[in-house]
PDB file of N, CA and C in Angstrom:
ATOM      1  N   MET A   1       4.661  61.269  57.480  1.00  0.00           N
ATOM      2  CA  MET A   1       4.064  61.585  56.412  1.00  0.00           C
ATOM      3  C   MET A   1       4.403  60.487  55.264  1.00  0.00           C
ATOM      4  N   ASP A   2       3.533  59.750  54.699  1.00  0.00           N
ATOM      5  CA  ASP A   2       3.950  58.854  53.712  1.00  0.00           C
ATOM      6  C   ASP A   2       3.276  59.311  52.221  1.00  0.00           C
ATOM      7  N   ILE A   3       3.813  59.156  51.176  1.00  0.00           N
ATOM      8  CA  ILE A   3       3.576  59.422  49.843  1.00  0.00           C
ATOM      9  C   ILE A   3       3.391  58.169  48.960  1.00  0.00           C
ATOM     10  N   ARG A   4       2.344  57.921  48.395  1.00  0.00           N
ATOM     11  CA  ARG A   4       2.072  56.883  47.452  1.00  0.00           C
ATOM     12  C   ARG A   4       1.518  57.533  45.991  1.00  0.00           C
ATOM     13  N   VAL A   5       2.150  56.836  45.010  1.00  0.00           N
ATOM     14  CA  VAL A   5       1.501  57.570  43.649  1.00  0.00           C
ATOM     15  C   VAL A   5       0.818  56.204  43.046  1.00  0.00           C
ATOM     16  N   ASN A   6      -0.268  56.589  42.480  1.00  0.00           N
ATOM     17  CA  ASN A   6      -1.101  55.520  41.776  1.00  0.00           C
ATOM     18  C   ASN A   6      -1.251  56.126  40.420  1.00  0.00           C
ATOM     19  N   ASN A   7      -0.928  55.574  39.284  1.00  0.00           N
ATOM     20  CA  ASN A   7      -1.202  55.788  37.964  1.00  0.00           C
ATOM     21  C   ASN A   7      -2.309  55.248  37.415  1.00  0.00           C
ATOM     22  N   GLU A   8      -3.298  56.194  36.985  1.00  0.00           N
ATOM     23  CA  GLU A   8      -4.550  55.632  36.479  1.00  0.00           C
ATOM     24  C   GLU A   8      -4.495  56.103  35.002  1.00  0.00           C
ATOM     25  N   SER A   9      -5.562  55.772  34.303  1.00  0.00           N
ATOM     26  CA  SER A   9      -5.556  56.023  32.954  1.00  0.00           C
ATOM     27  C   SER A   9      -5.932  57.504  32.604  1.00  0.00           C
ATOM     28  N   THR A  10      -6.620  58.075  33.501  1.00  0.00           N
ATOM     29  CA  THR A  10      -7.169  59.556  33.147  1.00  0.00           C
ATOM     30  C   THR A  10      -6.377  60.520  34.043  1.00  0.00           C
ATOM     31  N   ALA A  11      -5.672  60.037  35.243  1.00  0.00           N
ATOM     32  CA  ALA A  11      -5.055  60.737  36.322  1.00  0.00           C
ATOM     33  C   ALA A  11      -4.048  60.162  36.915  1.00  0.00           C
ATOM     34  N   THR A  12      -3.218  61.045  37.734  1.00  0.00           N
ATOM     35  CA  THR A  12      -2.212  60.418  38.617  1.00  0.00           C
ATOM     36  C   THR A  12      -2.649  60.630  39.826  1.00  0.00           C
ATOM     37  N   VAL A  13      -2.831  59.865  40.894  1.00  0.00           N
ATOM     38  CA  VAL A  13      -3.225  60.095  42.163  1.00  0.00           C
ATOM     39  C   VAL A  13      -2.142  60.001  43.218  1.00  0.00           C
ATOM     40  N   ILE A  14      -1.728  61.034  43.869  1.00  0.00           N
ATOM     41  CA  ILE A  14      -0.878  61.082  44.852  1.00  0.00           C
ATOM     42  C   ILE A  14      -1.619  61.258  46.053  1.00  0.00           C
ATOM     43  N   VAL A  15      -1.440  59.966  46.889  1.00  0.00           N
ATOM     44  CA  VAL A  15      -2.026  59.812  48.200  1.00  0.00           C
ATOM     45  C   VAL A  15      -0.980  60.191  49.256  1.00  0.00           C
ATOM     46  N   VAL A  16      -1.420  61.302  50.120  1.00  0.00           N
ATOM     47  CA  VAL A  16      -0.555  61.621  51.268  1.00  0.00           C
ATOM     48  C   VAL A  16      -1.279  61.307  52.625  1.00  0.00           C
ATOM     49  N   GLU A  17      -0.605  60.296  53.202  1.00  0.00           N
ATOM     50  CA  GLU A  17      -1.135  59.650  54.619  1.00  0.00           C
ATOM     51  C   GLU A  17      -0.162  60.445  55.497  1.00  0.00           C
ATOM     52  N   GLY A  18      -0.833  60.707  56.810  1.00  0.00           N
ATOM     53  CA  GLY A  18      -0.159  61.631  57.890  1.00  0.00           C
ATOM     54  C   GLY A  18      -0.289  62.998  57.699  1.00  0.00           C
ATOM     55  N   ILE A  19       0.218  63.585  58.703  1.00  0.00           N
ATOM     56  CA  ILE A  19       0.068  64.987  58.686  1.00  0.00           C
ATOM     57  C   ILE A  19       1.136  65.792  57.930  1.00  0.00           C
ATOM     58  N   VAL A  20       0.871  66.717  57.132  1.00  0.00           N
ATOM     59  CA  VAL A  20       1.951  67.428  56.466  1.00  0.00           C
ATOM     60  C   VAL A  20       2.438  68.519  57.338  1.00  0.00           C
ATOM     61  N   LYS A  21       3.661  68.312  57.771  1.00  0.00           N
ATOM     62  CA  LYS A  21       3.794  69.526  58.842  1.00  0.00           C
ATOM     63  C   LYS A  21       5.423  69.887  58.748  1.00  0.00           C
ATOM     64  N   THR A  22       6.262  69.267  58.017  1.00  0.00           N
ATOM     65  CA  THR A  22       7.665  69.744  58.031  1.00  0.00           C
ATOM     66  C   THR A  22       7.997  70.466  56.695  1.00  0.00           C
ATOM     67  N   ILE A  23       8.997  71.197  56.572  1.00  0.00           N
ATOM     68  CA  ILE A  23       9.435  71.539  55.219  1.00  0.00           C
ATOM     69  C   ILE A  23       9.886  70.380  54.365  1.00  0.00           C
ATOM     70  N   ALA A  24      10.442  69.383  54.876  1.00  0.00           N
ATOM     71  CA  ALA A  24      10.783  68.144  54.098  1.00  0.00           C
ATOM     72  C   ALA A  24       9.500  67.611  53.592  1.00  0.00           C
ATOM     73  N   ASP A  25       8.497  67.461  54.302  1.00  0.00           N
ATOM     74  CA  ASP A  25       7.196  67.058  53.720  1.00  0.00           C
ATOM     75  C   ASP A  25       6.624  67.827  52.584  1.00  0.00           C
ATOM     76  N   THR A  26       6.642  69.220  52.703  1.00  0.00           N
ATOM     77  CA  THR A  26       6.301  69.920  51.757  1.00  0.00           C
ATOM     78  C   THR A  26       7.279  69.796  50.423  1.00  0.00           C
ATOM     79  N   ILE A  27       8.451  69.775  50.633  1.00  0.00           N
ATOM     80  CA  ILE A  27       9.323  69.599  49.586  1.00  0.00           C
ATOM     81  C   ILE A  27       9.279  68.339  48.720  1.00  0.00           C
ATOM     82  N   SER A  28       8.927  67.170  49.452  1.00  0.00           N
ATOM     83  CA  SER A  28       8.520  65.893  48.939  1.00  0.00           C
ATOM     84  C   SER A  28       7.366  65.822  48.067  1.00  0.00           C
ATOM     85  N   ILE A  29       6.404  66.486  48.420  1.00  0.00           N
ATOM     86  CA  ILE A  29       5.249  66.558  47.595  1.00  0.00           C
ATOM     87  C   ILE A  29       5.319  67.468  46.444  1.00  0.00           C
ATOM     88  N   LYS A  30       5.968  68.632  46.531  1.00  0.00           N
ATOM     89  CA  LYS A  30       6.258  69.550  45.534  1.00  0.00           C
ATOM     90  C   LYS A  30       7.193  68.739  44.373  1.00  0.00           C
ATOM     91  N   GLU A  31       8.153  68.102  44.933  1.00  0.00           N
ATOM     92  CA  GLU A  31       9.091  67.287  43.929  1.00  0.00           C
ATOM     93  C   GLU A  31       8.274  66.058  43.379  1.00  0.00           C
ATOM     94  N   GLN A  32       7.528  65.597  43.836  1.00  0.00           N
ATOM     95  CA  GLN A  32       6.755  64.515  43.327  1.00  0.00           C
ATOM     96  C   GLN A  32       5.789  65.122  42.310  1.00  0.00           C
ATOM     97  N   ILE A  33       5.043  66.225  42.500  1.00  0.00           N
ATOM     98  CA  ILE A  33       4.419  66.828  41.430  1.00  0.00           C
ATOM     99  C   ILE A  33       5.075  67.331  40.271  1.00  0.00           C
ATOM    100  N   ALA A  34       6.119  68.118  40.514  1.00  0.00           N
ATOM    101  CA  ALA A  34       7.173  68.372  39.591  1.00  0.00           C
ATOM    102  C   ALA A  34       7.527  67.312  38.586  1.00  0.00           C
ATOM    103  N   SER A  35       7.998  66.356  39.294  1.00  0.00           N
ATOM    104  CA  SER A  35       8.268  64.989  38.333  1.00  0.00           C
ATOM    105  C   SER A  35       7.283  64.537  37.544  1.00  0.00           C
ATOM    106  N   LEU A  36       6.092  64.491  38.024  1.00  0.00           N
ATOM    107  CA  LEU A  36       4.862  64.033  37.352  1.00  0.00           C
ATOM    108  C   LEU A  36       4.657  65.016  36.116  1.00  0.00           C
ATOM    109  N   LEU A  37       4.859  66.331  36.430  1.00  0.00           N
ATOM    110  CA  LEU A  37       4.375  67.273  35.464  1.00  0.00           C
ATOM    111  C   LEU A  37       5.539  67.304  34.407  1.00  0.00           C
ATOM    112  N   GLN A  38       6.658  66.848  34.741  1.00  0.00           N
ATOM    113  CA  GLN A  38       7.689  66.906  33.725  1.00  0.00           C
ATOM    114  C   GLN A  38       7.425  65.728  32.683  1.00  0.00           C
ATOM    115  N   ARG A  39       7.109  64.489  33.218  1.00  0.00           N
ATOM    116  CA  ARG A  39       6.930  63.441  32.444  1.00  0.00           C
ATOM    117  C   ARG A  39       5.618  63.466  31.622  1.00  0.00           C
ATOM    118  N   GLU A  40       4.497  64.106  32.186  1.00  0.00           N
ATOM    119  CA  GLU A  40       3.281  63.928  31.442  1.00  0.00           C
ATOM    120  C   GLU A  40       2.481  65.363  31.948  1.00  0.00           C
ATOM    121  N   PRO A  41       2.900  66.566  31.342  1.00  0.00           N
ATOM    122  CA  PRO A  41       2.302  67.812  31.688  1.00  0.00           C
ATOM    123  C   PRO A  41       1.070  67.896  31.384  1.00  0.00           C
ATOM    124  N   GLN A  42       0.436  67.149  30.532  1.00  0.00           N
ATOM    125  CA  GLN A  42      -1.153  67.298  30.438  1.00  0.00           C
ATOM    126  C   GLN A  42      -2.174  66.431  31.249  1.00  0.00           C
ATOM    127  N   LYS A  43      -1.484  65.468  32.037  1.00  0.00           N
ATOM    128  CA  LYS A  43      -2.167  64.478  32.747  1.00  0.00           C
ATOM    129  C   LYS A  43      -2.671  65.106  34.173  1.00  0.00           C
ATOM    130  N   LYS A  44      -3.787  64.697  34.490  1.00  0.00           N
ATOM    131  CA  LYS A  44      -4.474  65.593  35.613  1.00  0.00           C
ATOM    132  C   LYS A  44      -3.803  64.544  36.925  1.00  0.00           C
ATOM    133  N   ILE A  45      -3.479  65.665  37.850  1.00  0.00           N
ATOM    134  CA  ILE A  45      -2.866  65.064  39.056  1.00  0.00           C
ATOM    135  C   ILE A  45      -3.948  65.299  40.243  1.00  0.00           C
ATOM    136  N   ILE A  46      -4.297  64.350  41.054  1.00  0.00           N
ATOM    137  CA  ILE A  46      -5.189  64.407  42.226  1.00  0.00           C
ATOM    138  C   ILE A  46      -4.318  64.275  43.312  1.00  0.00           C
ATOM    139  N   ILE A  47      -4.328  65.137  44.263  1.00  0.00           N
ATOM    140  CA  ILE A  47      -3.675  64.835  45.507  1.00  0.00           C
ATOM    141  C   ILE A  47      -4.769  64.700  46.739  1.00  0.00           C
ATOM    142  N   ASP A  48      -4.630  63.392  47.233  1.00  0.00           N
ATOM    143  CA  ASP A  48      -5.499  62.751  48.225  1.00  0.00           C
ATOM    144  C   ASP A  48      -4.977  62.999  49.562  1.00  0.00           C
ATOM    145  N   PHE A  49      -5.291  64.279  50.230  1.00  0.00           N
ATOM    146  CA  PHE A  49      -4.728  64.210  51.775  1.00  0.00           C
ATOM    147  C   PHE A  49      -5.745  63.371  52.605  1.00  0.00           C
ATOM    148  N   VAL A  50      -5.223  62.327  52.966  1.00  0.00           N
ATOM    149  CA  VAL A  50      -6.071  61.343  53.712  1.00  0.00           C
ATOM    150  C   VAL A  50      -6.383  61.857  55.094  1.00  0.00           C
ATOM    151  N   ASP A  51      -5.381  62.049  55.777  1.00  0.00           N
ATOM    152  CA  ASP A  51      -5.813  62.394  57.301  1.00  0.00           C
ATOM    153  C   ASP A  51      -5.140  63.453  57.819  1.00  0.00           C
ATOM    154  N   THR A  52      -4.684  64.409  56.965  1.00  0.00           N
ATOM    155  CA  THR A  52      -4.123  65.537  57.396  1.00  0.00           C
ATOM    156  C   THR A  52      -5.232  66.916  57.531  1.00  0.00           C
ATOM    157  N   PHE A  53      -5.132  67.688  58.461  1.00  0.00           N
ATOM    158  CA  PHE A  53      -6.058  68.671  58.731  1.00  0.00           C
ATOM    159  C   PHE A  53      -5.767  69.944  58.468  1.00  0.00           C
ATOM    160  N   VAL A  54      -4.445  70.088  57.956  1.00  0.00           N
ATOM    161  CA  VAL A  54      -3.827  71.374  57.817  1.00  0.00           C
ATOM    162  C   VAL A  54      -2.718  71.092  56.651  1.00  0.00           C
ATOM    163  N   ILE A  55      -2.278  72.055  55.580  1.00  0.00           N
ATOM    164  CA  ILE A  55      -1.181  71.941  54.922  1.00  0.00           C
ATOM    165  C   ILE A  55      -0.482  73.375  55.030  1.00  0.00           C
ATOM    166  N   PRO A  56       0.889  73.290  54.919  1.00  0.00           N
ATOM    167  CA  PRO A  56       1.500  74.509  55.093  1.00  0.00           C
ATOM    168  C   PRO A  56       1.356  75.539  54.029  1.00  0.00           C
ATOM    169  N   SER A  57       1.657  76.761  54.301  1.00  0.00           N
ATOM    170  CA  SER A  57       1.349  77.722  53.183  1.00  0.00           C
ATOM    171  C   SER A  57       2.320  77.745  52.207  1.00  0.00           C
ATOM    172  N   ALA A  58       3.550  77.162  52.354  1.00  0.00           N
ATOM    173  CA  ALA A  58       4.460  77.032  51.271  1.00  0.00           C
ATOM    174  C   ALA A  58       3.978  75.885  50.332  1.00  0.00           C
ATOM    175  N   LEU A  59       3.085  74.964  50.665  1.00  0.00           N
ATOM    176  CA  LEU A  59       2.515  73.945  49.762  1.00  0.00           C
ATOM    177  C   LEU A  59       1.426  74.512  49.057  1.00  0.00           C
ATOM    178  N   ILE A  60       0.598  75.278  49.716  1.00  0.00           N
ATOM    179  CA  ILE A  60      -0.580  76.075  49.100  1.00  0.00           C
ATOM    180  C   ILE A  60      -0.029  77.032  48.001  1.00  0.00           C
ATOM    181  N   GLY A  61       1.038  77.752  48.270  1.00  0.00           N
ATOM    182  CA  GLY A  61       1.710  78.493  47.316  1.00  0.00           C
ATOM    183  C   GLY A  61       2.287  77.735  46.101  1.00  0.00           C
ATOM    184  N   ALA A  62       2.780  76.646  46.253  1.00  0.00           N
ATOM    185  CA  ALA A  62       3.430  75.742  45.281  1.00  0.00           C
ATOM    186  C   ALA A  62       2.277  75.087  44.474  1.00  0.00           C
ATOM    187  N   LEU A  63       1.185  74.749  44.974  1.00  0.00           N
ATOM    188  CA  LEU A  63       0.120  74.285  44.106  1.00  0.00           C
ATOM    189  C   LEU A  63      -0.569  75.424  43.285  1.00  0.00           C
ATOM    190  N   GLN A  64      -0.638  76.601  43.901  1.00  0.00           N
ATOM    191  CA  GLN A  64      -1.103  77.808  43.065  1.00  0.00           C
ATOM    192  C   GLN A  64      -0.298  78.080  42.065  1.00  0.00           C
ATOM    193  N   LYS A  65       1.129  78.129  42.029  1.00  0.00           N
ATOM    194  CA  LYS A  65       2.210  78.287  41.189  1.00  0.00           C
ATOM    195  C   LYS A  65       2.234  77.020  40.015  1.00  0.00           C
ATOM    196  N   PHE A  66       1.741  75.870  40.458  1.00  0.00           N
ATOM    197  CA  PHE A  66       1.684  74.787  39.471  1.00  0.00           C
ATOM    198  C   PHE A  66       0.496  75.029  38.676  1.00  0.00           C
ATOM    199  N   ILE A  67      -0.633  75.513  39.297  1.00  0.00           N
ATOM    200  CA  ILE A  67      -1.964  75.554  38.653  1.00  0.00           C
ATOM    201  C   ILE A  67      -1.875  76.794  37.616  1.00  0.00           C
ATOM    202  N   LEU A  68      -1.509  77.998  38.142  1.00  0.00           N
ATOM    203  CA  LEU A  68      -1.744  79.242  37.692  1.00  0.00           C
ATOM    204  C   LEU A  68      -0.387  79.459  36.631  1.00  0.00           C
ATOM    205  N   GLY A  69       0.764  79.129  37.138  1.00  0.00           N
ATOM    206  CA  GLY A  69       1.862  79.392  36.485  1.00  0.00           C
ATOM    207  C   GLY A  69       2.224  78.329  35.317  1.00  0.00           C
ATOM    208  N   ASP A  70       2.132  77.047  35.678  1.00  0.00           N
ATOM    209  CA  ASP A  70       2.397  76.103  34.732  1.00  0.00           C
ATOM    210  C   ASP A  70       1.236  75.399  34.051  1.00  0.00           C
ATOM    211  N   ASN A  71      -0.048  75.827  34.354  1.00  0.00           N
ATOM    212  CA  ASN A  71      -1.345  75.315  33.779  1.00  0.00           C
ATOM    213  C   ASN A  71      -1.554  73.920  34.025  1.00  0.00           C
ATOM    214  N   ALA A  72      -1.034  73.466  35.354  1.00  0.00           N
ATOM    215  CA  ALA A  72      -1.163  71.993  35.550  1.00  0.00           C
ATOM    216  C   ALA A  72      -2.732  71.749  35.853  1.00  0.00           C
ATOM    217  N   LYS A  73      -3.117  70.691  35.667  1.00  0.00           N
ATOM    218  CA  LYS A  73      -4.472  70.380  35.885  1.00  0.00           C
ATOM    219  C   LYS A  73      -4.393  69.467  37.373  1.00  0.00           C
ATOM    220  N   ILE A  74      -4.667  70.198  38.450  1.00  0.00           N
ATOM    221  CA  ILE A  74      -4.386  69.515  39.771  1.00  0.00           C
ATOM    222  C   ILE A  74      -5.618  69.904  40.577  1.00  0.00           C
ATOM    223  N   SER A  75      -6.113  68.787  41.319  1.00  0.00           N
ATOM    224  CA  SER A  75      -7.504  68.760  42.074  1.00  0.00           C
ATOM    225  C   SER A  75      -6.894  68.258  43.554  1.00  0.00           C
ATOM    226  N   VAL A  76      -7.539  68.619  44.569  1.00  0.00           N
ATOM    227  CA  VAL A  76      -7.226  68.129  45.871  1.00  0.00           C
ATOM    228  C   VAL A  76      -8.498  67.457  46.419  1.00  0.00           C
ATOM    229  N   ILE A  77      -8.327  66.330  47.337  1.00  0.00           N
ATOM    230  CA  ILE A  77      -9.321  65.627  47.971  1.00  0.00           C
ATOM    231  C   ILE A  77      -8.827  66.003  49.473  1.00  0.00           C
ATOM    232  N   ALA A  78      -9.783  66.508  50.089  1.00  0.00           N
ATOM    233  CA  ALA A  78      -9.666  66.692  51.556  1.00  0.00           C
ATOM    234  C   ALA A  78     -10.319  65.529  52.421  1.00  0.00           C
ATOM    235  N   GLY A  79      -9.443  64.583  52.994  1.00  0.00           N
ATOM    236  CA  GLY A  79     -10.026  63.659  53.756  1.00  0.00           C
ATOM    237  C   GLY A  79     -10.519  64.089  55.115  1.00  0.00           C
ATOM    238  N   GLU A  80     -10.055  65.128  55.675  1.00  0.00           N
ATOM    239  CA  GLU A  80     -10.416  65.565  56.870  1.00  0.00           C
ATOM    240  C   GLU A  80     -11.288  66.813  56.728  1.00  0.00           C
ATOM    241  N   PRO A  81     -12.371  66.896  57.321  1.00  0.00           N
ATOM    242  CA  PRO A  81     -13.366  68.283  57.283  1.00  0.00           C
ATOM    243  C   PRO A  81     -12.520  69.492  57.581  1.00  0.00           C
ATOM    244  N   GLN A  82     -11.586  69.370  58.656  1.00  0.00           N
ATOM    245  CA  GLN A  82     -10.966  70.536  58.868  1.00  0.00           C
ATOM    246  C   GLN A  82      -9.925  71.300  57.814  1.00  0.00           C
ATOM    247  N   LEU A  83      -9.426  70.255  56.973  1.00  0.00           N
ATOM    248  CA  LEU A  83      -8.736  70.649  55.799  1.00  0.00           C
ATOM    249  C   LEU A  83      -9.573  71.284  54.837  1.00  0.00           C
ATOM    250  N   TYR A  84     -10.807  70.947  54.478  1.00  0.00           N
ATOM    251  CA  TYR A  84     -11.693  71.550  53.489  1.00  0.00           C
ATOM    252  C   TYR A  84     -12.274  72.771  54.166  1.00  0.00           C
ATOM    253  N   GLU A  85     -12.486  72.829  55.297  1.00  0.00           N
ATOM    254  CA  GLU A  85     -12.926  74.188  55.928  1.00  0.00           C
ATOM    255  C   GLU A  85     -11.831  75.218  55.923  1.00  0.00           C
ATOM    256  N   LEU A  86     -10.539  74.808  56.016  1.00  0.00           N
ATOM    257  CA  LEU A  86      -9.537  75.831  56.092  1.00  0.00           C
ATOM    258  C   LEU A  86      -9.241  76.235  54.566  1.00  0.00           C
ATOM    259  N   LEU A  87      -9.393  75.437  53.577  1.00  0.00           N
ATOM    260  CA  LEU A  87      -9.155  75.809  52.320  1.00  0.00           C
ATOM    261  C   LEU A  87     -10.395  76.671  51.903  1.00  0.00           C
ATOM    262  N   ASP A  88     -11.508  76.415  52.390  1.00  0.00           N
ATOM    263  CA  ASP A  88     -12.851  77.146  52.128  1.00  0.00           C
ATOM    264  C   ASP A  88     -12.543  78.556  52.744  1.00  0.00           C
ATOM    265  N   ASN A  89     -12.127  78.523  53.925  1.00  0.00           N
ATOM    266  CA  ASN A  89     -11.965  80.035  54.589  1.00  0.00           C
ATOM    267  C   ASN A  89     -10.963  80.736  53.794  1.00  0.00           C
ATOM    268  N   LEU A  90      -9.987  79.960  53.128  1.00  0.00           N
ATOM    269  CA  LEU A  90      -8.819  80.802  52.444  1.00  0.00           C
ATOM    270  C   LEU A  90      -9.359  81.105  50.872  1.00  0.00           C
ATOM    271  N   CYS A  91     -10.630  80.776  50.641  1.00  0.00           N
ATOM    272  CA  CYS A  91     -11.139  80.824  49.236  1.00  0.00           C
ATOM    273  C   CYS A  91     -10.350  80.178  48.088  1.00  0.00           C
ATOM    274  N   LEU A  92      -9.854  78.941  48.528  1.00  0.00           N
ATOM    275  CA  LEU A  92      -9.104  78.334  47.645  1.00  0.00           C
ATOM    276  C   LEU A  92      -9.887  77.120  47.054  1.00  0.00           C
ATOM    277  N   VAL A  93     -11.220  76.788  47.433  1.00  0.00           N
ATOM    278  CA  VAL A  93     -11.730  75.356  47.012  1.00  0.00           C
ATOM    279  C   VAL A  93     -11.694  75.468  45.606  1.00  0.00           C
ATOM    280  N   SER A  94     -12.247  76.564  44.873  1.00  0.00           N
ATOM    281  CA  SER A  94     -12.399  76.503  43.454  1.00  0.00           C
ATOM    282  C   SER A  94     -11.083  76.363  42.828  1.00  0.00           C
ATOM    283  N   GLN A  95     -10.210  77.289  43.150  1.00  0.00           N
ATOM    284  CA  GLN A  95      -8.880  77.295  42.544  1.00  0.00           C
ATOM    285  C   GLN A  95      -8.353  75.944  42.627  1.00  0.00           C
ATOM    286  N   LEU A  96      -8.156  75.355  43.732  1.00  0.00           N
ATOM    287  CA  LEU A  96      -7.322  74.111  43.806  1.00  0.00           C
ATOM    288  C   LEU A  96      -8.541  72.999  43.663  1.00  0.00           C
ATOM    289  N   SER A  97      -9.553  73.039  43.083  1.00  0.00           N
ATOM    290  CA  SER A  97     -10.673  72.065  42.699  1.00  0.00           C
ATOM    291  C   SER A  97     -10.830  70.977  43.946  1.00  0.00           C
ATOM    292  N   VAL A  98     -11.077  71.633  44.982  1.00  0.00           N
ATOM    293  CA  VAL A  98     -11.128  70.820  46.317  1.00  0.00           C
ATOM    294  C   VAL A  98     -12.498  69.983  46.440  1.00  0.00           C
ATOM    295  N   THR A  99     -12.420  68.890  46.804  1.00  0.00           N
ATOM    296  CA  THR A  99     -13.595  68.009  47.145  1.00  0.00           C
ATOM    297  C   THR A  99     -13.309  67.301  48.324  1.00  0.00           C
ATOM    298  N   LYS A 100     -14.467  66.945  48.987  1.00  0.00           N
ATOM    299  CA  LYS A 100     -14.421  66.388  50.449  1.00  0.00           C
ATOM    300  C   LYS A 100     -14.329  64.942  49.928  1.00  0.00           C
ATOM    301  N   LYS A 101     -13.791  64.174  50.829  1.00  0.00           N
ATOM    302  CA  LYS A 101     -13.788  62.619  50.799  1.00  0.00           C
ATOM    303  C   LYS A 101     -15.107  62.203  51.513  1.00  0.00           C
ATOM    304  N   ILE A 102     -15.764  61.222  50.783  1.00  0.00           N
ATOM    305  CA  ILE A 102     -16.988  60.672  51.420  1.00  0.00           C
ATOM    306  C   ILE A 102     -16.671  59.445  52.144  1.00  0.00           C
ATOM    307  N   ARG A 103     -16.872  59.346  53.457  1.00  0.00           N
ATOM    308  CA  ARG A 103     -16.543  58.133  54.274  1.00  0.00           C
ATOM    309  C   ARG A 103     -17.500  57.454  54.506  1.00  0.00           C
TER     310      ARG A 103
END
């Protein structure tokens, strides 16, 4: 898994390439988000999961904590239809502001 951060004027985009499958992957993403929120708490964060079809429950819980507990402005782009379907089945599309990537 690789993480790349693109700072744009209205949002910061975290691009996640590869499958998110290990605890280390989850920790890396959580730390990146926490670091961004510490520097610019009001700036929107977009997490673009390019090609993963699943994300660990620990990462889902962390995203919910950032959004609900810290009032972070986070949205998710699902690059794979399976990821969107998973988040939809878990009734998280609205809460995580999930959109499908148009290919």
